[in-house]
């Protein structure tokens, strides 16, 4: 069976690894430690993409080899200059202008103009740990998390990034895969081996119990205090109050891994994953497959745009008709 390119990339970033320590690597030379810009490519919109976010009325997508794309209508996408060639895994905006993108080599990029221009704030390839998720809390504060408990935060717009001193996040060295802002403003984390945690402001974290020990790749808000989490082999769970620790398993009727999602205008969750799997989960926690799409391959992210949806993944940008 063909392994999707996205799954291969997740394996290389250790998103599917289970309680493994980083392998010893050869000492890099000085040239390897220097960031080099991404190449401008005519078919950049067909490149493997891993993260997508809205910046006001614009959309920004990031992916393999440092590619950054920007669109004002969800249909025409332009590549913008990126200061790194490292794979970018996630992007998040605090408002229409301020945002961050993260990726391999602990890369952190910042934009102050809605994704038109980007500046490098962190790049440490010697650490050999990728950042896998980022959440912009406001224009000054953001959290970036990744493999083996890598956890960084800024409170000054990214002028400085410091390790997050939280035992819940870092002590066991698990992979921290996804961040979400809940309806009540809480910050919520999903990660490896069923790891869930919640924080009022992103500093002090509390573990949340979940009756599942597999890898989780995504999380979305649900109501005021709840969430839906999803990941390996189609596993998904919903809760109306994450701090209460009560979760119900979603019957997804699939074993395809789920990598991304978005909350629709009516409150339903739209989840996407391996081999184009697309599910709509309603308020009752019932999943229904969505099949009318114009994008082949594994999907990593989705956002609503007008009457349709924009999806990203193995073959770049596509559209979805829910």
C-alpha atoms as a PDB file:
ATOM      1  CA  UNK A   1       0.000   0.000   0.000  1.00  0.00           C
ATOM      2  CA  UNK A   2       1.321   3.437  -0.905  1.00  0.00           C
ATOM      3  CA  UNK A   3       2.376   5.558   2.079  1.00  0.00           C
ATOM      4  CA  UNK A   4       1.219   9.176   1.562  1.00  0.00           C
ATOM      5  CA  UNK A   5       3.949  11.811   1.448  1.00  0.00           C
ATOM      6  CA  UNK A   6       2.340  13.551   4.404  1.00  0.00           C
ATOM      7  CA  UNK A   7       2.535  10.391   6.513  1.00  0.00           C
ATOM      8  CA  UNK A   8       6.185  10.034   5.582  1.00  0.00           C
ATOM      9  CA  UNK A   9       6.831  13.609   6.678  1.00  0.00           C
ATOM     10  CA  UNK A  10       5.032  13.028   9.967  1.00  0.00           C
ATOM     11  CA  UNK A  11       7.229  10.014  10.524  1.00  0.00           C
ATOM     12  CA  UNK A  12      10.358  12.061   9.896  1.00  0.00           C
ATOM     13  CA  UNK A  13       9.216  14.645  12.446  1.00  0.00           C
ATOM     14  CA  UNK A  14       8.526  11.797  14.886  1.00  0.00           C
ATOM     15  CA  UNK A  15       4.856  12.638  15.187  1.00  0.00           C
ATOM     16  CA  UNK A  16       4.037   8.929  15.159  1.00  0.00           C
ATOM     17  CA  UNK A  17       6.903   7.792  17.379  1.00  0.00           C
ATOM     18  CA  UNK A  18       6.054   6.269  20.730  1.00  0.00           C
ATOM     19  CA  UNK A  19       8.221   7.216  23.717  1.00  0.00           C
ATOM     20  CA  UNK A  20      11.482   7.284  21.814  1.00  0.00           C
ATOM     21  CA  UNK A  21      14.501   9.470  22.548  1.00  0.00           C
ATOM     22  CA  UNK A  22      16.136  11.480  19.741  1.00  0.00           C
ATOM     23  CA  UNK A  23      18.717   9.429  17.895  1.00  0.00           C
ATOM     24  CA  UNK A  24      22.314  10.546  18.114  1.00  0.00           C
ATOM     25  CA  UNK A  25      23.267  12.640  15.111  1.00  0.00           C
ATOM     26  CA  UNK A  26      26.554  13.596  13.548  1.00  0.00           C
ATOM     27  CA  UNK A  27      27.850  16.982  14.605  1.00  0.00           C
ATOM     28  CA  UNK A  28      26.665  19.533  12.019  1.00  0.00           C
ATOM     29  CA  UNK A  29      29.120  21.854  10.331  1.00  0.00           C
ATOM     30  CA  UNK A  30      28.794  25.639  10.376  1.00  0.00           C
ATOM     31  CA  UNK A  31      27.119  25.737   6.964  1.00  0.00           C
ATOM     32  CA  UNK A  32      24.383  23.347   8.143  1.00  0.00           C
ATOM     33  CA  UNK A  33      23.585  25.700  11.038  1.00  0.00           C
ATOM     34  CA  UNK A  34      22.899  28.673   8.789  1.00  0.00           C
ATOM     35  CA  UNK A  35      19.374  29.350   7.567  1.00  0.00           C
ATOM     36  CA  UNK A  36      18.995  29.653   3.812  1.00  0.00           C
ATOM     37  CA  UNK A  37      15.908  31.048   2.093  1.00  0.00           C
ATOM     38  CA  UNK A  38      13.296  28.922   0.418  1.00  0.00           C
ATOM     39  CA  UNK A  39      13.409  28.709  -3.347  1.00  0.00           C
ATOM     40  CA  UNK A  40      10.702  30.487  -5.323  1.00  0.00           C
ATOM     41  CA  UNK A  41       8.882  27.829  -7.348  1.00  0.00           C
ATOM     42  CA  UNK A  42       6.361  28.162 -10.181  1.00  0.00           C
ATOM     43  CA  UNK A  43       4.290  25.265  -8.821  1.00  0.00           C
ATOM     44  CA  UNK A  44       4.583  26.165  -5.143  1.00  0.00           C
ATOM     45  CA  UNK A  45       0.803  25.840  -4.669  1.00  0.00           C
ATOM     46  CA  UNK A  46       1.143  22.127  -5.553  1.00  0.00           C
ATOM     47  CA  UNK A  47       3.818  21.651  -2.900  1.00  0.00           C
ATOM     48  CA  UNK A  48       3.234  19.535   0.222  1.00  0.00           C
ATOM     49  CA  UNK A  49       1.506  21.875   2.690  1.00  0.00           C
ATOM     50  CA  UNK A  50       1.072  21.252   6.426  1.00  0.00           C
ATOM     51  CA  UNK A  51      -0.446  24.372   7.992  1.00  0.00           C
ATOM     52  CA  UNK A  52      -3.076  26.961   7.106  1.00  0.00           C
ATOM     53  CA  UNK A  53      -4.555  29.964   8.941  1.00  0.00           C
ATOM     54  CA  UNK A  54      -6.596  33.092   8.312  1.00  0.00           C
ATOM     55  CA  UNK A  55      -5.014  36.535   8.599  1.00  0.00           C
ATOM     56  CA  UNK A  56      -8.046  38.772   8.477  1.00  0.00           C
ATOM     57  CA  UNK A  57      -9.478  38.367   4.979  1.00  0.00           C
ATOM     58  CA  UNK A  58      -6.302  36.681   3.714  1.00  0.00           C
ATOM     59  CA  UNK A  59      -5.239  33.034   3.989  1.00  0.00           C
ATOM     60  CA  UNK A  60      -1.687  31.823   4.617  1.00  0.00           C
ATOM     61  CA  UNK A  61      -0.418  28.260   4.078  1.00  0.00           C
ATOM     62  CA  UNK A  62       3.010  26.807   4.899  1.00  0.00           C
ATOM     63  CA  UNK A  63       4.786  23.576   4.082  1.00  0.00           C
ATOM     64  CA  UNK A  64       7.716  21.601   2.751  1.00  0.00           C
ATOM     65  CA  UNK A  65      11.057  23.304   2.055  1.00  0.00           C
ATOM     66  CA  UNK A  66      10.020  26.532   3.727  1.00  0.00           C
ATOM     67  CA  UNK A  67       7.243  27.348   1.250  1.00  0.00           C
ATOM     68  CA  UNK A  68       4.794  30.101   2.308  1.00  0.00           C
ATOM     69  CA  UNK A  69       1.711  30.872   0.225  1.00  0.00           C
ATOM     70  CA  UNK A  70      -0.748  33.736   0.584  1.00  0.00           C
ATOM     71  CA  UNK A  71      -4.193  34.282  -0.921  1.00  0.00           C
ATOM     72  CA  UNK A  72      -6.793  37.031  -0.665  1.00  0.00           C
ATOM     73  CA  UNK A  73      -9.625  35.035  -2.231  1.00  0.00           C
ATOM     74  CA  UNK A  74      -8.857  31.371  -1.483  1.00  0.00           C
ATOM     75  CA  UNK A  75      -8.507  30.637  -5.199  1.00  0.00           C
ATOM     76  CA  UNK A  76      -5.332  32.362  -6.401  1.00  0.00           C
ATOM     77  CA  UNK A  77      -2.247  31.672  -4.297  1.00  0.00           C
ATOM     78  CA  UNK A  78       1.062  33.530  -4.467  1.00  0.00           C
ATOM     79  CA  UNK A  79       4.322  32.357  -2.971  1.00  0.00           C
ATOM     80  CA  UNK A  80       5.977  34.902  -0.683  1.00  0.00           C
ATOM     81  CA  UNK A  81       9.639  35.021   0.304  1.00  0.00           C
ATOM     82  CA  UNK A  82      10.605  32.769   3.211  1.00  0.00           C
ATOM     83  CA  UNK A  83      13.907  33.155   5.100  1.00  0.00           C
ATOM     84  CA  UNK A  84      14.263  29.391   5.649  1.00  0.00           C
ATOM     85  CA  UNK A  85      14.378  26.243   3.539  1.00  0.00           C
ATOM     86  CA  UNK A  86      13.327  24.100   6.527  1.00  0.00           C
ATOM     87  CA  UNK A  87       9.909  22.455   6.380  1.00  0.00           C
ATOM     88  CA  UNK A  88       7.217  24.574   8.033  1.00  0.00           C
ATOM     89  CA  UNK A  89       4.561  22.635   9.930  1.00  0.00           C
ATOM     90  CA  UNK A  90       2.071  25.180  11.342  1.00  0.00           C
ATOM     91  CA  UNK A  91       0.972  28.824  11.233  1.00  0.00           C
ATOM     92  CA  UNK A  92      -1.211  30.966  13.508  1.00  0.00           C
ATOM     93  CA  UNK A  93      -2.394  34.589  13.551  1.00  0.00           C
ATOM     94  CA  UNK A  94      -3.369  36.797  16.482  1.00  0.00           C
ATOM     95  CA  UNK A  95      -5.141  39.268  14.192  1.00  0.00           C
ATOM     96  CA  UNK A  96      -5.079  40.392  10.576  1.00  0.00           C
ATOM     97  CA  UNK A  97      -1.391  41.351  10.784  1.00  0.00           C
ATOM     98  CA  UNK A  98       0.579  39.599  13.547  1.00  0.00           C
ATOM     99  CA  UNK A  99       1.352  35.910  13.126  1.00  0.00           C
ATOM    100  CA  UNK A 100       3.910  33.141  13.519  1.00  0.00           C
ATOM    101  CA  UNK A 101       4.929  30.047  11.543  1.00  0.00           C
ATOM    102  CA  UNK A 102       7.019  27.178  12.941  1.00  0.00           C
ATOM    103  CA  UNK A 103       8.782  24.095  11.653  1.00  0.00           C
ATOM    104  CA  UNK A 104      11.841  21.886  11.514  1.00  0.00           C
ATOM    105  CA  UNK A 105      15.124  22.998  13.109  1.00  0.00           C
ATOM    106  CA  UNK A 106      13.019  24.698  15.817  1.00  0.00           C
ATOM    107  CA  UNK A 107      12.266  27.374  13.213  1.00  0.00           C
ATOM    108  CA  UNK A 108      10.051  30.306  14.222  1.00  0.00           C
ATOM    109  CA  UNK A 109       9.074  33.002  11.708  1.00  0.00           C
ATOM    110  CA  UNK A 110       7.114  36.184  12.410  1.00  0.00           C
ATOM    111  CA  UNK A 111       5.032  38.470  10.225  1.00  0.00           C
ATOM    112  CA  UNK A 112       3.653  41.905  11.082  1.00  0.00           C
ATOM    113  CA  UNK A 113       1.782  42.495   7.813  1.00  0.00           C
ATOM    114  CA  UNK A 114      -0.579  39.560   7.426  1.00  0.00           C
ATOM    115  CA  UNK A 115       1.926  37.159   5.911  1.00  0.00           C
ATOM    116  CA  UNK A 116       3.316  39.312   3.112  1.00  0.00           C
ATOM    117  CA  UNK A 117       6.770  39.470   4.727  1.00  0.00           C
ATOM    118  CA  UNK A 118       8.441  37.164   7.252  1.00  0.00           C
ATOM    119  CA  UNK A 119      11.360  37.507   9.654  1.00  0.00           C
ATOM    120  CA  UNK A 120      13.331  34.696  11.312  1.00  0.00           C
ATOM    121  CA  UNK A 121      13.095  34.720  15.124  1.00  0.00           C
ATOM    122  CA  UNK A 122      14.437  31.274  16.047  1.00  0.00           C
ATOM    123  CA  UNK A 123      16.496  28.654  14.194  1.00  0.00           C
ATOM    124  CA  UNK A 124      18.412  25.945  16.081  1.00  0.00           C
ATOM    125  CA  UNK A 125      19.096  22.934  13.819  1.00  0.00           C
ATOM    126  CA  UNK A 126      21.699  21.578  16.253  1.00  0.00           C
ATOM    127  CA  UNK A 127      18.853  20.754  18.647  1.00  0.00           C
ATOM    128  CA  UNK A 128      17.397  18.329  16.057  1.00  0.00           C
ATOM    129  CA  UNK A 129      13.822  18.900  17.233  1.00  0.00           C
ATOM    130  CA  UNK A 130      10.976  20.159  15.013  1.00  0.00           C
ATOM    131  CA  UNK A 131       8.273  22.496  16.214  1.00  0.00           C
ATOM    132  CA  UNK A 132       4.888  21.012  15.299  1.00  0.00           C
ATOM    133  CA  UNK A 133       2.314  23.576  16.416  1.00  0.00           C
ATOM    134  CA  UNK A 134       2.000  27.270  17.253  1.00  0.00           C
ATOM    135  CA  UNK A 135      -0.743  29.383  18.805  1.00  0.00           C
ATOM    136  CA  UNK A 136      -0.799  33.189  18.690  1.00  0.00           C
ATOM    137  CA  UNK A 137      -2.541  34.365  21.868  1.00  0.00           C
ATOM    138  CA  UNK A 138      -2.262  38.037  20.916  1.00  0.00           C
ATOM    139  CA  UNK A 139       0.162  40.288  19.053  1.00  0.00           C
ATOM    140  CA  UNK A 140       2.776  39.924  21.814  1.00  0.00           C
ATOM    141  CA  UNK A 141       2.223  36.420  23.195  1.00  0.00           C
ATOM    142  CA  UNK A 142       2.559  33.070  21.432  1.00  0.00           C
ATOM    143  CA  UNK A 143       3.329  29.433  22.260  1.00  0.00           C
ATOM    144  CA  UNK A 144       5.297  27.039  20.021  1.00  0.00           C
ATOM    145  CA  UNK A 145       5.451  23.306  20.838  1.00  0.00           C
ATOM    146  CA  UNK A 146       7.061  20.312  19.191  1.00  0.00           C
ATOM    147  CA  UNK A 147       8.770  16.949  19.381  1.00  0.00           C
ATOM    148  CA  UNK A 148      10.257  15.444  22.553  1.00  0.00           C
ATOM    149  CA  UNK A 149       8.700  18.057  24.832  1.00  0.00           C
ATOM    150  CA  UNK A 150      10.114  21.074  23.003  1.00  0.00           C
ATOM    151  CA  UNK A 151       8.108  24.016  24.370  1.00  0.00           C
ATOM    152  CA  UNK A 152       8.822  27.712  23.775  1.00  0.00           C
ATOM    153  CA  UNK A 153       6.917  30.903  24.496  1.00  0.00           C
ATOM    154  CA  UNK A 154       7.227  34.634  23.900  1.00  0.00           C
ATOM    155  CA  UNK A 155       5.648  37.609  25.647  1.00  0.00           C
ATOM    156  CA  UNK A 156       7.346  40.353  23.625  1.00  0.00           C
ATOM    157  CA  UNK A 157       6.251  39.726  20.065  1.00  0.00           C
ATOM    158  CA  UNK A 158       8.994  37.190  19.498  1.00  0.00           C
ATOM    159  CA  UNK A 159      11.957  39.404  20.353  1.00  0.00           C
ATOM    160  CA  UNK A 160      12.832  36.623  22.789  1.00  0.00           C
ATOM    161  CA  UNK A 161      11.665  33.008  22.991  1.00  0.00           C
ATOM    162  CA  UNK A 162      12.159  31.121  26.255  1.00  0.00           C
ATOM    163  CA  UNK A 163      11.511  27.498  27.277  1.00  0.00           C
ATOM    164  CA  UNK A 164       8.123  26.902  28.887  1.00  0.00           C
ATOM    165  CA  UNK A 165       8.855  25.718  32.409  1.00  0.00           C
ATOM    166  CA  UNK A 166       5.979  23.251  32.730  1.00  0.00           C
ATOM    167  CA  UNK A 167       6.504  19.659  33.936  1.00  0.00           C
ATOM    168  CA  UNK A 168       3.247  18.603  32.265  1.00  0.00           C
ATOM    169  CA  UNK A 169       4.675  19.529  28.866  1.00  0.00           C
ATOM    170  CA  UNK A 170       8.356  18.699  29.067  1.00  0.00           C
ATOM    171  CA  UNK A 171       9.197  16.076  31.695  1.00  0.00           C
ATOM    172  CA  UNK A 172       8.220  12.947  29.750  1.00  0.00           C
ATOM    173  CA  UNK A 173       9.564  14.224  26.433  1.00  0.00           C
ATOM    174  CA  UNK A 174       6.390  13.491  24.505  1.00  0.00           C
ATOM    175  CA  UNK A 175       5.524  14.948  21.123  1.00  0.00           C
ATOM    176  CA  UNK A 176       3.276  18.008  21.501  1.00  0.00           C
ATOM    177  CA  UNK A 177       1.261  18.024  18.297  1.00  0.00           C
ATOM    178  CA  UNK A 178      -1.619  20.511  18.447  1.00  0.00           C
ATOM    179  CA  UNK A 179      -2.795  23.657  20.228  1.00  0.00           C
ATOM    180  CA  UNK A 180      -6.269  25.205  20.253  1.00  0.00           C
ATOM    181  CA  UNK A 181      -8.035  28.137  21.934  1.00  0.00           C
ATOM    182  CA  UNK A 182     -11.252  26.993  23.579  1.00  0.00           C
ATOM    183  CA  UNK A 183     -14.479  28.991  23.642  1.00  0.00           C
ATOM    184  CA  UNK A 184     -13.793  30.305  27.132  1.00  0.00           C
ATOM    185  CA  UNK A 185     -10.244  31.392  26.235  1.00  0.00           C
ATOM    186  CA  UNK A 186      -8.431  28.416  27.745  1.00  0.00           C
ATOM    187  CA  UNK A 187      -5.402  27.059  25.866  1.00  0.00           C
ATOM    188  CA  UNK A 188      -5.705  23.365  25.052  1.00  0.00           C
ATOM    189  CA  UNK A 189      -3.027  20.845  24.016  1.00  0.00           C
ATOM    190  CA  UNK A 190      -3.213  17.432  22.338  1.00  0.00           C
ATOM    191  CA  UNK A 191      -0.220  15.192  21.788  1.00  0.00           C
ATOM    192  CA  UNK A 192       1.399  11.787  21.795  1.00  0.00           C
ATOM    193  CA  UNK A 193       0.089   8.787  23.793  1.00  0.00           C
ATOM    194  CA  UNK A 194      -3.235  10.461  24.505  1.00  0.00           C
ATOM    195  CA  UNK A 195      -1.652  13.477  26.162  1.00  0.00           C
ATOM    196  CA  UNK A 196      -4.131  16.278  26.848  1.00  0.00           C
ATOM    197  CA  UNK A 197      -3.529  19.424  28.905  1.00  0.00           C
ATOM    198  CA  UNK A 198      -5.292  22.718  29.538  1.00  0.00           C
ATOM    199  CA  UNK A 199      -4.120  26.141  30.717  1.00  0.00           C
ATOM    200  CA  UNK A 200      -5.841  29.416  31.485  1.00  0.00           C
ATOM    201  CA  UNK A 201      -3.064  31.488  29.914  1.00  0.00           C
ATOM    202  CA  UNK A 202      -0.453  29.110  28.488  1.00  0.00           C
ATOM    203  CA  UNK A 203       1.862  29.169  31.524  1.00  0.00           C
ATOM    204  CA  UNK A 204       0.483  26.790  34.158  1.00  0.00           C
ATOM    205  CA  UNK A 205      -0.775  23.505  32.687  1.00  0.00           C
ATOM    206  CA  UNK A 206      -3.065  20.768  34.040  1.00  0.00           C
ATOM    207  CA  UNK A 207      -3.268  17.226  32.646  1.00  0.00           C
ATOM    208  CA  UNK A 208      -6.654  16.117  31.335  1.00  0.00           C
ATOM    209  CA  UNK A 209      -7.683  12.456  31.469  1.00  0.00           C
ATOM    210  CA  UNK A 210      -8.593  10.680  28.216  1.00  0.00           C
ATOM    211  CA  UNK A 211      -9.550   6.985  27.739  1.00  0.00           C
ATOM    212  CA  UNK A 212      -7.115   6.611  24.822  1.00  0.00           C
ATOM    213  CA  UNK A 213      -3.327   6.236  24.680  1.00  0.00           C
ATOM    214  CA  UNK A 214      -2.632   6.703  20.989  1.00  0.00           C
ATOM    215  CA  UNK A 215      -1.250   9.753  19.211  1.00  0.00           C
ATOM    216  CA  UNK A 216      -3.507  12.781  18.759  1.00  0.00           C
ATOM    217  CA  UNK A 217      -2.734  15.140  15.876  1.00  0.00           C
ATOM    218  CA  UNK A 218      -5.431  17.802  16.239  1.00  0.00           C
ATOM    219  CA  UNK A 219      -7.831  19.601  18.555  1.00  0.00           C
ATOM    220  CA  UNK A 220     -10.726  22.004  17.974  1.00  0.00           C
ATOM    221  CA  UNK A 221     -12.943  24.011  20.351  1.00  0.00           C
ATOM    222  CA  UNK A 222     -16.455  22.719  21.015  1.00  0.00           C
ATOM    223  CA  UNK A 223     -18.921  25.060  22.682  1.00  0.00           C
ATOM    224  CA  UNK A 224     -17.653  27.180  25.561  1.00  0.00           C
ATOM    225  CA  UNK A 225     -15.545  24.688  27.530  1.00  0.00           C
ATOM    226  CA  UNK A 226     -15.389  21.619  25.319  1.00  0.00           C
ATOM    227  CA  UNK A 227     -13.214  20.224  22.531  1.00  0.00           C
ATOM    228  CA  UNK A 228     -12.920  17.528  19.920  1.00  0.00           C
ATOM    229  CA  UNK A 229      -9.580  15.704  19.598  1.00  0.00           C
ATOM    230  CA  UNK A 230      -8.540  13.381  16.782  1.00  0.00           C
ATOM    231  CA  UNK A 231      -5.567  11.434  15.479  1.00  0.00           C
ATOM    232  CA  UNK A 232      -4.141   8.034  14.729  1.00  0.00           C
ATOM    233  CA  UNK A 233      -6.266   5.450  12.875  1.00  0.00           C
ATOM    234  CA  UNK A 234      -9.432   7.553  12.886  1.00  0.00           C
ATOM    235  CA  UNK A 235      -9.679   7.889  16.643  1.00  0.00           C
ATOM    236  CA  UNK A 236     -11.663  10.936  17.794  1.00  0.00           C
ATOM    237  CA  UNK A 237     -13.246  11.986  21.099  1.00  0.00           C
ATOM    238  CA  UNK A 238     -15.554  14.834  22.124  1.00  0.00           C
ATOM    239  CA  UNK A 239     -16.136  16.583  25.440  1.00  0.00           C
ATOM    240  CA  UNK A 240     -18.414  19.422  26.510  1.00  0.00           C
ATOM    241  CA  UNK A 241     -16.033  20.319  29.364  1.00  0.00           C
ATOM    242  CA  UNK A 242     -12.401  19.310  29.003  1.00  0.00           C
ATOM    243  CA  UNK A 243     -11.535  20.160  32.612  1.00  0.00           C
ATOM    244  CA  UNK A 244     -14.176  17.697  33.804  1.00  0.00           C
ATOM    245  CA  UNK A 245     -12.368  14.906  31.958  1.00  0.00           C
ATOM    246  CA  UNK A 246     -15.480  13.287  30.486  1.00  0.00           C
ATOM    247  CA  UNK A 247     -15.007  12.172  26.879  1.00  0.00           C
ATOM    248  CA  UNK A 248     -17.181  10.294  24.391  1.00  0.00           C
ATOM    249  CA  UNK A 249     -15.667   8.322  21.521  1.00  0.00           C
ATOM    250  CA  UNK A 250     -16.771   9.368  18.037  1.00  0.00           C
ATOM    251  CA  UNK A 251     -17.709   6.503  15.715  1.00  0.00           C
ATOM    252  CA  UNK A 252     -15.751   7.780  12.714  1.00  0.00           C
ATOM    253  CA  UNK A 253     -16.159   4.515  10.784  1.00  0.00           C
ATOM    254  CA  UNK A 254     -12.641   4.858   9.443  1.00  0.00           C
ATOM    255  CA  UNK A 255      -9.115   3.750  10.311  1.00  0.00           C
ATOM    256  CA  UNK A 256      -7.547   6.599   8.336  1.00  0.00           C
ATOM    257  CA  UNK A 257      -5.508   8.930  10.543  1.00  0.00           C
ATOM    258  CA  UNK A 258      -6.968  12.426  10.972  1.00  0.00           C
ATOM    259  CA  UNK A 259      -4.514  15.333  10.764  1.00  0.00           C
ATOM    260  CA  UNK A 260      -6.486  18.602  10.604  1.00  0.00           C
ATOM    261  CA  UNK A 261      -9.844  20.255  11.039  1.00  0.00           C
ATOM    262  CA  UNK A 262     -11.926  23.382  11.391  1.00  0.00           C
ATOM    263  CA  UNK A 263     -15.121  24.504  13.119  1.00  0.00           C
ATOM    264  CA  UNK A 264     -17.909  25.372  10.689  1.00  0.00           C
ATOM    265  CA  UNK A 265     -20.379  28.245  11.063  1.00  0.00           C
ATOM    266  CA  UNK A 266     -23.065  25.941  12.471  1.00  0.00           C
ATOM    267  CA  UNK A 267     -20.693  24.545  15.114  1.00  0.00           C
ATOM    268  CA  UNK A 268     -20.010  21.231  13.375  1.00  0.00           C
ATOM    269  CA  UNK A 269     -16.385  20.071  13.130  1.00  0.00           C
ATOM    270  CA  UNK A 270     -14.895  19.204   9.738  1.00  0.00           C
ATOM    271  CA  UNK A 271     -11.964  16.763  10.012  1.00  0.00           C
ATOM    272  CA  UNK A 272      -9.515  15.739   7.263  1.00  0.00           C
ATOM    273  CA  UNK A 273      -6.806  13.129   7.024  1.00  0.00           C
ATOM    274  CA  UNK A 274      -5.030  10.307   5.224  1.00  0.00           C
ATOM    275  CA  UNK A 275      -6.001   9.447   1.644  1.00  0.00           C
ATOM    276  CA  UNK A 276      -8.432  12.363   1.484  1.00  0.00           C
ATOM    277  CA  UNK A 277     -10.584  11.208   4.395  1.00  0.00           C
ATOM    278  CA  UNK A 278     -13.086  13.960   5.257  1.00  0.00           C
ATOM    279  CA  UNK A 279     -15.605  13.764   8.113  1.00  0.00           C
ATOM    280  CA  UNK A 280     -18.233  16.109   9.479  1.00  0.00           C
ATOM    281  CA  UNK A 281     -18.951  15.709  13.215  1.00  0.00           C
ATOM    282  CA  UNK A 282     -22.166  17.321  14.493  1.00  0.00           C
ATOM    283  CA  UNK A 283     -23.153  18.600  17.944  1.00  0.00           C
ATOM    284  CA  UNK A 284     -24.293  15.123  18.973  1.00  0.00           C
ATOM    285  CA  UNK A 285     -20.878  13.674  18.149  1.00  0.00           C
ATOM    286  CA  UNK A 286     -22.138  11.829  15.064  1.00  0.00           C
ATOM    287  CA  UNK A 287     -19.684  11.589  12.157  1.00  0.00           C
ATOM    288  CA  UNK A 288     -20.655  11.619   8.489  1.00  0.00           C
ATOM    289  CA  UNK A 289     -18.254  11.246   5.577  1.00  0.00           C
ATOM    290  CA  UNK A 290     -17.951  14.164   3.111  1.00  0.00           C
ATOM    291  CA  UNK A 291     -16.992  12.900  -0.330  1.00  0.00           C
ATOM    292  CA  UNK A 292     -17.438  15.762  -2.821  1.00  0.00           C
ATOM    293  CA  UNK A 293     -13.928  17.201  -3.012  1.00  0.00           C
ATOM    294  CA  UNK A 294     -11.530  18.358  -5.702  1.00  0.00           C
ATOM    295  CA  UNK A 295      -8.317  17.429  -3.937  1.00  0.00           C
ATOM    296  CA  UNK A 296      -6.575  14.059  -4.065  1.00  0.00           C
ATOM    297  CA  UNK A 297      -4.079  12.653  -1.595  1.00  0.00           C
ATOM    298  CA  UNK A 298      -3.675  13.021   2.145  1.00  0.00           C
ATOM    299  CA  UNK A 299      -5.073  16.203   3.693  1.00  0.00           C
ATOM    300  CA  UNK A 300      -3.423  18.079   6.564  1.00  0.00           C
ATOM    301  CA  UNK A 301      -5.639  21.149   7.055  1.00  0.00           C
ATOM    302  CA  UNK A 302      -8.903  22.863   6.134  1.00  0.00           C
ATOM    303  CA  UNK A 303     -10.464  26.328   6.507  1.00  0.00           C
ATOM    304  CA  UNK A 304     -13.863  27.761   5.588  1.00  0.00           C
ATOM    305  CA  UNK A 305     -13.898  30.355   2.808  1.00  0.00           C
ATOM    306  CA  UNK A 306     -17.186  31.811   1.589  1.00  0.00           C
ATOM    307  CA  UNK A 307     -19.594  29.005   0.753  1.00  0.00           C
ATOM    308  CA  UNK A 308     -16.804  26.429   0.444  1.00  0.00           C
ATOM    309  CA  UNK A 309     -13.712  25.114   2.123  1.00  0.00           C
ATOM    310  CA  UNK A 310     -10.014  25.362   1.319  1.00  0.00           C
ATOM    311  CA  UNK A 311      -7.985  22.228   2.005  1.00  0.00           C
ATOM    312  CA  UNK A 312      -4.233  21.645   2.024  1.00  0.00           C
ATOM    313  CA  UNK A 313      -2.083  18.556   2.032  1.00  0.00           C
ATOM    314  CA  UNK A 314       0.002  16.175  -0.007  1.00  0.00           C
ATOM    315  CA  UNK A 315      -0.680  17.905  -3.336  1.00  0.00           C
ATOM    316  CA  UNK A 316      -0.886  21.507  -2.192  1.00  0.00           C
ATOM    317  CA  UNK A 317      -4.057  23.629  -2.117  1.00  0.00           C
ATOM    318  CA  UNK A 318      -7.501  22.393  -3.144  1.00  0.00           C
ATOM    319  CA  UNK A 319     -11.187  22.999  -2.511  1.00  0.00           C
ATOM    320  CA  UNK A 320     -13.915  21.078  -0.750  1.00  0.00           C
ATOM    321  CA  UNK A 321     -17.680  21.279  -1.178  1.00  0.00           C
ATOM    322  CA  UNK A 322     -19.278  20.256   2.149  1.00  0.00           C
END
